[in-house]
Amino acid sequence: MISTKGRYALRVMIDLAEHQKEQPVPLKDIAERQEISKKYLEIIVKDLVEGRMIRGASGKGGGYVLLRKPEEYTVGEIVELMEGSLAPVACLQQDAEACPREKVCVTLPLWQEMNDLVRGFLYQKKLTDLLDRSEKA
């Protein structure tokens, strides 16, 4: 299950893509538009900055900006940054040790297929796919 942190991070990224023109977007503006607590957003944007998704600028005219063009972000990378691995079982996580039961595990193909479907779906979706939907609403 995707937590509020992951869902809100997507909303922040969409908001930045929509409202970032020539200058950084203040966090209070994002909080107001998205109806999310500014305190909670501070935690989320800190993680997005550390994950090199956005950059913060302080002082007058400060706020946040995307580091790349909106079409260069995938939903999968944003969600995994906030949630951690989306692998359904530990043995499919990126740096997992080889499982001693790998060759005899009858459920592994099921988990691999699920992993491929989820990752394939989330990593093919671009931030602009969500942005396009919000503009049509």
C-alpha atoms as a PDB file:
ATOM      1  CA  MET A   1       0.000   0.000   0.000  1.00  0.00           C
ATOM      2  CA  ILE A   2       1.250   3.472  -0.870  1.00  0.00           C
ATOM      3  CA  SER A   3       1.320   5.751   2.185  1.00  0.00           C
ATOM      4  CA  THR A   4       0.162   9.356   2.366  1.00  0.00           C
ATOM      5  CA  LYS A   5       3.823  10.351   2.175  1.00  0.00           C
ATOM      6  CA  GLY A   6       4.178   8.747  -1.258  1.00  0.00           C
ATOM      7  CA  ARG A   7       0.860  10.120  -2.496  1.00  0.00           C
ATOM      8  CA  TYR A   8       1.572  13.615  -1.220  1.00  0.00           C
ATOM      9  CA  ALA A   9       5.051  13.587  -2.770  1.00  0.00           C
ATOM     10  CA  LEU A  10       3.411  13.001  -6.149  1.00  0.00           C
ATOM     11  CA  ARG A  11       1.031  15.883  -5.502  1.00  0.00           C
ATOM     12  CA  VAL A  12       3.967  18.153  -4.598  1.00  0.00           C
ATOM     13  CA  MET A  13       5.786  17.201  -7.782  1.00  0.00           C
ATOM     14  CA  ILE A  14       2.676  17.824  -9.898  1.00  0.00           C
ATOM     15  CA  ASP A  15       2.098  21.160  -8.172  1.00  0.00           C
ATOM     16  CA  LEU A  16       5.689  22.223  -8.868  1.00  0.00           C
ATOM     17  CA  ALA A  17       5.373  21.193 -12.505  1.00  0.00           C
ATOM     18  CA  GLU A  18       2.167  23.237 -12.818  1.00  0.00           C
ATOM     19  CA  HIS A  19       3.264  26.367 -10.967  1.00  0.00           C
ATOM     20  CA  GLN A  20       7.014  26.621 -11.404  1.00  0.00           C
ATOM     21  CA  LYS A  21       7.576  29.208 -14.074  1.00  0.00           C
ATOM     22  CA  GLU A  22      10.566  31.464 -13.617  1.00  0.00           C
ATOM     23  CA  GLN A  23      10.829  31.353  -9.839  1.00  0.00           C
ATOM     24  CA  PRO A  24      10.666  28.857  -6.962  1.00  0.00           C
ATOM     25  CA  VAL A  25       7.272  27.869  -5.558  1.00  0.00           C
ATOM     26  CA  PRO A  26       6.796  28.669  -1.854  1.00  0.00           C
ATOM     27  CA  LEU A  27       5.891  25.692   0.329  1.00  0.00           C
ATOM     28  CA  LYS A  28       2.983  27.596   1.903  1.00  0.00           C
ATOM     29  CA  ASP A  29       1.423  27.973  -1.557  1.00  0.00           C
ATOM     30  CA  ILE A  30       1.738  24.254  -2.244  1.00  0.00           C
ATOM     31  CA  ALA A  31       0.262  23.466   1.185  1.00  0.00           C
ATOM     32  CA  GLU A  32      -2.717  25.720   0.547  1.00  0.00           C
ATOM     33  CA  ARG A  33      -3.441  24.429  -2.955  1.00  0.00           C
ATOM     34  CA  GLN A  34      -3.008  20.784  -1.987  1.00  0.00           C
ATOM     35  CA  GLU A  35      -4.731  21.135   1.392  1.00  0.00           C
ATOM     36  CA  ILE A  36      -1.837  19.438   3.163  1.00  0.00           C
ATOM     37  CA  SER A  37      -0.230  20.545   6.412  1.00  0.00           C
ATOM     38  CA  LYS A  38       2.865  22.686   5.801  1.00  0.00           C
ATOM     39  CA  LYS A  39       4.633  20.811   8.623  1.00  0.00           C
ATOM     40  CA  TYR A  40       4.034  17.463   6.887  1.00  0.00           C
ATOM     41  CA  LEU A  41       5.120  18.908   3.548  1.00  0.00           C
ATOM     42  CA  GLU A  42       8.405  20.031   5.126  1.00  0.00           C
ATOM     43  CA  ILE A  43       9.228  16.376   5.802  1.00  0.00           C
ATOM     44  CA  ILE A  44       8.269  15.367   2.273  1.00  0.00           C
ATOM     45  CA  VAL A  45      10.212  18.113   0.482  1.00  0.00           C
ATOM     46  CA  LYS A  46      13.268  17.357   2.642  1.00  0.00           C
ATOM     47  CA  ASP A  47      13.212  13.789   1.290  1.00  0.00           C
ATOM     48  CA  LEU A  48      12.638  15.037  -2.269  1.00  0.00           C
ATOM     49  CA  VAL A  49      15.623  17.406  -1.941  1.00  0.00           C
ATOM     50  CA  GLU A  50      17.834  14.651  -0.512  1.00  0.00           C
ATOM     51  CA  GLY A  51      16.688  12.370  -3.338  1.00  0.00           C
ATOM     52  CA  ARG A  52      17.738  15.020  -5.877  1.00  0.00           C
ATOM     53  CA  MET A  53      14.224  15.429  -7.253  1.00  0.00           C
ATOM     54  CA  ILE A  54      13.825  19.098  -6.310  1.00  0.00           C
ATOM     55  CA  ARG A  55      15.935  22.005  -5.096  1.00  0.00           C
ATOM     56  CA  GLY A  56      15.053  24.436  -2.363  1.00  0.00           C
ATOM     57  CA  ALA A  57      15.914  28.126  -2.303  1.00  0.00           C
ATOM     58  CA  SER A  58      15.623  30.121   0.910  1.00  0.00           C
ATOM     59  CA  GLY A  59      15.063  33.797   1.533  1.00  0.00           C
ATOM     60  CA  LYS A  60      12.863  36.289  -0.287  1.00  0.00           C
ATOM     61  CA  GLY A  61      11.488  34.677  -3.415  1.00  0.00           C
ATOM     62  CA  GLY A  62      12.435  31.257  -2.038  1.00  0.00           C
ATOM     63  CA  GLY A  63      10.660  27.981  -2.500  1.00  0.00           C
ATOM     64  CA  TYR A  64      11.147  24.784  -4.479  1.00  0.00           C
ATOM     65  CA  VAL A  65      11.845  23.915  -8.104  1.00  0.00           C
ATOM     66  CA  LEU A  66      12.093  20.702 -10.078  1.00  0.00           C
ATOM     67  CA  LEU A  67      15.637  19.745 -11.028  1.00  0.00           C
ATOM     68  CA  ARG A  68      14.524  18.216 -14.327  1.00  0.00           C
ATOM     69  CA  LYS A  69      11.770  18.722 -16.845  1.00  0.00           C
ATOM     70  CA  PRO A  70       8.454  17.166 -15.718  1.00  0.00           C
ATOM     71  CA  GLU A  71       8.570  14.611 -18.545  1.00  0.00           C
ATOM     72  CA  GLU A  72      11.888  13.287 -17.199  1.00  0.00           C
ATOM     73  CA  TYR A  73      10.389  12.056 -13.904  1.00  0.00           C
ATOM     74  CA  THR A  74       8.658   8.704 -13.563  1.00  0.00           C
ATOM     75  CA  VAL A  75       5.985   8.017 -11.001  1.00  0.00           C
ATOM     76  CA  GLY A  76       7.945   4.911  -9.997  1.00  0.00           C
ATOM     77  CA  GLU A  77      11.096   6.783  -9.023  1.00  0.00           C
ATOM     78  CA  ILE A  78       9.130   9.307  -6.962  1.00  0.00           C
ATOM     79  CA  VAL A  79       7.106   6.628  -5.171  1.00  0.00           C
ATOM     80  CA  GLU A  80      10.124   4.405  -4.503  1.00  0.00           C
ATOM     81  CA  LEU A  81      12.100   7.350  -3.146  1.00  0.00           C
ATOM     82  CA  MET A  82       9.358   7.992  -0.618  1.00  0.00           C
ATOM     83  CA  GLU A  83       8.242   4.424   0.109  1.00  0.00           C
ATOM     84  CA  GLY A  84      11.369   2.370  -0.361  1.00  0.00           C
ATOM     85  CA  SER A  85      11.359  -0.792  -2.429  1.00  0.00           C
ATOM     86  CA  LEU A  86       8.065  -1.757  -4.015  1.00  0.00           C
ATOM     87  CA  ALA A  87       9.143  -5.400  -4.314  1.00  0.00           C
ATOM     88  CA  PRO A  88       6.409  -7.686  -2.976  1.00  0.00           C
ATOM     89  CA  VAL A  89       8.921 -10.017  -1.273  1.00  0.00           C
ATOM     90  CA  ALA A  90      12.355  -9.439   0.230  1.00  0.00           C
ATOM     91  CA  CYS A  91      14.188 -11.697  -2.227  1.00  0.00           C
ATOM     92  CA  LEU A  92      13.224  -9.392  -5.123  1.00  0.00           C
ATOM     93  CA  GLN A  93      14.545  -6.203  -3.578  1.00  0.00           C
ATOM     94  CA  GLN A  94      17.340  -4.587  -5.525  1.00  0.00           C
ATOM     95  CA  ASP A  95      20.279  -5.553  -3.284  1.00  0.00           C
ATOM     96  CA  ALA A  96      18.828  -8.759  -1.879  1.00  0.00           C
ATOM     97  CA  GLU A  97      21.123 -11.667  -1.174  1.00  0.00           C
ATOM     98  CA  ALA A  98      20.572 -14.732  -3.319  1.00  0.00           C
ATOM     99  CA  CYS A  99      17.834 -16.874  -1.832  1.00  0.00           C
ATOM    100  CA  PRO A 100      18.918 -20.478  -1.177  1.00  0.00           C
ATOM    101  CA  ARG A 101      15.428 -21.632  -2.249  1.00  0.00           C
ATOM    102  CA  GLU A 102      15.382 -19.700  -5.516  1.00  0.00           C
ATOM    103  CA  LYS A 103      15.608 -22.792  -7.730  1.00  0.00           C
ATOM    104  CA  VAL A 104      12.881 -24.694  -5.870  1.00  0.00           C
ATOM    105  CA  CYS A 105      10.566 -21.852  -4.817  1.00  0.00           C
ATOM    106  CA  VAL A 106       7.203 -22.476  -6.432  1.00  0.00           C
ATOM    107  CA  THR A 107       5.893 -19.015  -5.548  1.00  0.00           C
ATOM    108  CA  LEU A 108       8.846 -17.016  -6.915  1.00  0.00           C
ATOM    109  CA  PRO A 109       7.410 -16.768 -10.475  1.00  0.00           C
ATOM    110  CA  LEU A 110       4.197 -15.295  -9.033  1.00  0.00           C
ATOM    111  CA  TRP A 111       6.137 -12.635  -7.076  1.00  0.00           C
ATOM    112  CA  GLN A 112       8.372 -11.880 -10.041  1.00  0.00           C
ATOM    113  CA  GLU A 113       5.370 -11.356 -12.295  1.00  0.00           C
ATOM    114  CA  MET A 114       3.713  -9.107  -9.726  1.00  0.00           C
ATOM    115  CA  ASN A 115       6.937  -7.132  -9.295  1.00  0.00           C
ATOM    116  CA  ASP A 116       7.318  -6.717 -13.059  1.00  0.00           C
ATOM    117  CA  LEU A 117       3.718  -5.531 -13.435  1.00  0.00           C
ATOM    118  CA  VAL A 118       3.891  -2.967 -10.623  1.00  0.00           C
ATOM    119  CA  ARG A 119       7.313  -1.630 -11.578  1.00  0.00           C
ATOM    120  CA  GLY A 120       6.470  -1.640 -15.279  1.00  0.00           C
ATOM    121  CA  PHE A 121       3.276   0.294 -14.655  1.00  0.00           C
ATOM    122  CA  LEU A 122       4.750   2.899 -12.293  1.00  0.00           C
ATOM    123  CA  TYR A 123       7.981   3.408 -14.228  1.00  0.00           C
ATOM    124  CA  GLN A 124       6.224   3.904 -17.571  1.00  0.00           C
ATOM    125  CA  LYS A 125       4.047   6.689 -16.132  1.00  0.00           C
ATOM    126  CA  LYS A 126       5.642  10.113 -16.333  1.00  0.00           C
ATOM    127  CA  LEU A 127       4.913  13.092 -14.134  1.00  0.00           C
ATOM    128  CA  THR A 128       3.502  14.754 -17.241  1.00  0.00           C
ATOM    129  CA  ASP A 129       0.902  11.966 -17.556  1.00  0.00           C
ATOM    130  CA  LEU A 130      -0.502  13.092 -14.205  1.00  0.00           C
ATOM    131  CA  LEU A 131      -0.012  16.734 -15.058  1.00  0.00           C
ATOM    132  CA  ASP A 132      -2.026  16.307 -18.243  1.00  0.00           C
ATOM    133  CA  ARG A 133      -4.902  14.815 -16.230  1.00  0.00           C
ATOM    134  CA  SER A 134      -4.913  17.662 -13.700  1.00  0.00           C
ATOM    135  CA  GLU A 135      -5.064  20.261 -16.489  1.00  0.00           C
ATOM    136  CA  LYS A 136      -8.113  18.553 -18.028  1.00  0.00           C
ATOM    137  CA  ALA A 137      -9.994  18.447 -14.700  1.00  0.00           C
END
